[in-house]
Protein backbone atom coordinates (compact mmCIF):
# COMPACT_ATOMS: atom_id res chain seq x y z
CA UNK A 1 -4.89 -25.58 45.35
CA UNK A 2 -3.87 -28.54 43.12
CA UNK A 3 -7.25 -28.27 41.22
CA UNK A 4 -6.39 -24.80 40.16
CA UNK A 5 -2.94 -25.86 38.96
CA UNK A 6 -4.51 -28.51 36.69
CA UNK A 7 -7.00 -26.06 35.50
CA UNK A 8 -4.77 -23.23 34.65
CA UNK A 9 -3.28 -24.83 31.51
CA UNK A 10 -6.72 -25.33 30.14
CA UNK A 11 -7.83 -21.87 30.77
CA UNK A 12 -4.57 -20.61 28.84
CA UNK A 13 -5.36 -22.97 26.08
CA UNK A 14 -8.97 -21.59 25.74
CA UNK A 15 -7.77 -18.10 25.79
CA UNK A 16 -5.22 -18.63 23.04
CA UNK A 17 -7.26 -20.62 20.88
CA UNK A 18 -10.04 -17.83 21.03
CA UNK A 19 -7.52 -15.10 19.82
CA UNK A 20 -7.12 -17.05 16.46
CA UNK A 21 -10.75 -17.86 15.90
CA UNK A 22 -11.67 -17.19 12.18
CA UNK A 23 -7.85 -16.75 11.45
CA UNK A 24 -7.23 -18.75 8.20
CA UNK A 25 -4.07 -17.35 6.61
CA UNK A 26 -1.17 -14.97 7.60
CA UNK A 27 2.21 -14.68 5.72
CA UNK A 28 5.02 -12.01 5.39
CA UNK A 29 7.30 -11.61 2.53
CA UNK A 30 10.77 -9.88 2.83
CA UNK A 31 11.58 -6.76 0.95
CA UNK A 32 15.05 -7.21 -0.47
CA UNK A 33 17.69 -4.79 1.09
CA UNK A 34 14.81 -3.19 2.92
CA UNK A 35 14.15 -1.25 -0.24
CA UNK A 36 10.73 -1.81 -1.69
CA UNK A 37 10.94 -0.82 -5.39
CA UNK A 38 7.97 0.20 -7.60
CA UNK A 39 6.69 -2.84 -9.48
CA UNK A 40 8.15 -5.27 -6.79
CA UNK A 41 4.98 -7.08 -6.14
CA UNK A 42 4.34 -9.44 -3.14
CA UNK A 43 2.06 -12.32 -3.84
CA UNK A 44 0.06 -14.36 -1.55
CA UNK A 45 -1.83 -17.36 -2.92
CA UNK A 46 -4.67 -18.54 -0.87
CA UNK A 47 -7.13 -21.45 -1.59
CA UNK A 48 -10.53 -20.56 -0.40
CA UNK A 49 -12.57 -23.78 0.42
CA UNK A 50 -16.18 -22.50 1.02
CA UNK A 51 -18.57 -20.56 -1.08
CA UNK A 52 -20.31 -17.34 -0.11
CA UNK A 53 -18.28 -16.52 3.06
CA UNK A 54 -17.10 -13.09 4.27
CA UNK A 55 -13.57 -12.20 5.34
CA UNK A 56 -11.56 -9.42 6.95
CA UNK A 57 -8.55 -8.56 5.13
CA UNK A 58 -5.52 -7.15 6.93
CA UNK A 59 -2.06 -5.72 5.71
CA UNK A 60 0.77 -6.43 7.91
CA UNK A 61 3.94 -4.24 7.96
CA UNK A 62 7.37 -3.89 9.52
CA UNK A 63 9.66 -1.09 8.89
CA UNK A 64 12.82 0.64 10.26
CA UNK A 65 13.57 4.12 11.40
CA UNK A 66 14.92 4.73 7.96
CA UNK A 67 11.46 4.98 6.49
CA UNK A 68 10.97 8.59 5.89
CA UNK A 69 7.05 9.07 5.55
CA UNK A 70 4.35 8.84 8.12
CA UNK A 71 2.17 6.67 5.94
CA UNK A 72 2.42 4.21 3.08
CA UNK A 73 0.28 4.01 0.19
CA UNK A 74 -0.33 0.33 -1.04
CA UNK A 75 -2.08 -1.27 -3.91
CA UNK A 76 -3.89 -4.46 -3.24
CA UNK A 77 -4.98 -6.55 -6.18
CA UNK A 78 -7.02 -9.60 -5.56
CA UNK A 79 -7.08 -12.08 -8.50
CA UNK A 80 -10.17 -14.16 -8.34
CA UNK A 81 -11.16 -17.30 -10.21
CA UNK A 82 -12.40 -16.70 -13.78
CA UNK A 83 -9.89 -13.94 -14.35
CA UNK A 84 -11.78 -11.45 -12.32
CA UNK A 85 -9.69 -8.83 -10.43
CA UNK A 86 -10.34 -6.31 -7.49
CA UNK A 87 -7.80 -3.47 -7.32
CA UNK A 88 -7.71 -1.06 -4.53
CA UNK A 89 -5.56 1.54 -3.01
CA UNK A 90 -4.93 2.06 0.60
CA UNK A 91 -3.02 4.67 2.87
CA UNK A 92 -1.53 3.08 5.76
CA UNK A 93 -0.75 5.42 8.60
CA UNK A 94 2.48 4.69 10.36
CA UNK A 95 2.99 7.61 12.67
CA UNK A 96 1.07 9.75 14.80
CA UNK A 97 0.67 13.66 14.01
CA UNK A 98 3.66 14.43 16.25
CA UNK A 99 5.90 11.97 14.26
CA UNK A 100 5.85 9.23 16.98
CA UNK A 101 5.93 5.83 15.15
CA UNK A 102 2.99 3.46 15.79
CA UNK A 103 3.45 -0.31 16.60
CA UNK A 104 5.91 -2.25 18.82
CA UNK A 105 9.49 -1.22 18.72
CA UNK A 106 12.53 -3.49 19.04
CA UNK A 107 15.87 -1.44 18.34
CA UNK A 108 15.06 0.51 15.27
CA UNK A 109 12.36 -1.88 13.88
CA UNK A 110 8.72 -1.35 14.07
CA UNK A 111 6.02 -3.97 14.17
CA UNK A 112 2.85 -2.38 13.12
CA UNK A 113 -0.50 -3.80 14.34
CA UNK A 114 -2.33 -5.28 11.23
CA UNK A 115 -4.26 -2.72 9.01
CA UNK A 116 -7.84 -3.77 8.52
CA UNK A 117 -8.33 -2.69 4.87
CA UNK A 118 -11.36 -4.70 3.77
CA UNK A 119 -13.96 -5.49 6.30
CA UNK A 120 -16.66 -8.15 5.78
CA UNK A 121 -15.15 -8.66 2.26
CA UNK A 122 -17.45 -10.98 0.36
CA UNK A 123 -15.84 -13.93 -1.59
CA UNK A 124 -18.92 -15.70 -3.19
CA UNK A 125 -17.01 -18.55 -4.93
CA UNK A 126 -14.52 -21.04 -3.59
CA UNK A 127 -11.16 -21.30 -5.44
CA UNK A 128 -7.66 -20.07 -5.77
CA UNK A 129 -7.33 -16.30 -4.96
CA UNK A 130 -4.19 -14.41 -5.12
CA UNK A 131 -3.56 -11.26 -2.96
CA UNK A 132 -0.98 -9.01 -4.38
CA UNK A 133 0.64 -6.18 -2.78
CA UNK A 134 2.76 -3.43 -4.38
CA UNK A 135 3.71 0.16 -3.05
CA UNK A 136 1.86 3.12 -4.63
CA UNK A 137 4.19 5.76 -3.32
CA UNK A 138 5.57 8.69 -5.67
CA UNK A 139 8.96 7.41 -5.29
CA UNK A 140 10.45 4.63 -7.27
CA UNK A 141 12.14 2.90 -4.32
CA UNK A 142 11.27 3.49 -0.73
CA UNK A 143 13.82 2.73 2.16
CA UNK A 144 13.08 1.02 5.40
CA UNK A 145 10.23 -1.43 4.60
CA UNK A 146 11.48 -4.70 5.89
CA UNK A 147 8.55 -7.04 5.03
CA UNK A 148 5.02 -6.79 4.27
CA UNK A 149 2.10 -9.32 4.66
CA UNK A 150 -1.61 -10.32 4.32
CA UNK A 151 -3.90 -11.59 7.08
CA UNK A 152 -7.19 -13.15 6.22
CA UNK A 153 -9.93 -13.87 8.84
CA UNK A 154 -13.14 -15.57 8.21
CA UNK A 155 -16.15 -13.44 9.79
CA UNK A 156 -18.53 -15.39 11.80
């Protein structure tokens, strides 16, 4: 029995470390007053240290029940070394067809699972990259968005 007690923390450590394999970056930025205004960009700088790697890029999001749409259109602009840019729009689904919010709820706050928006995204050159998020909704200011973020995982 004592052997198992010593082995248990090691097993937990292995399980937890395997969950973050490839995870190289994750950050959130608050949205002031929980009102994301058009043109309010959230910038996430990342120094890529290796040439020729592939990454999965995720968008993270937390919102309140005050958000009145079932989806959120976002613009992702990736600024690359050499003044190159990659701009793409994504529709993030926040609710099921019946209106039930996705994600984990705590009070009136919803933490949405990360949205995989770019799978196996090629970054051929190392250097400074800047991931810039803004909303692309038809309204100038959208209520109920608490914070947004970026998560980057290296693909094996």
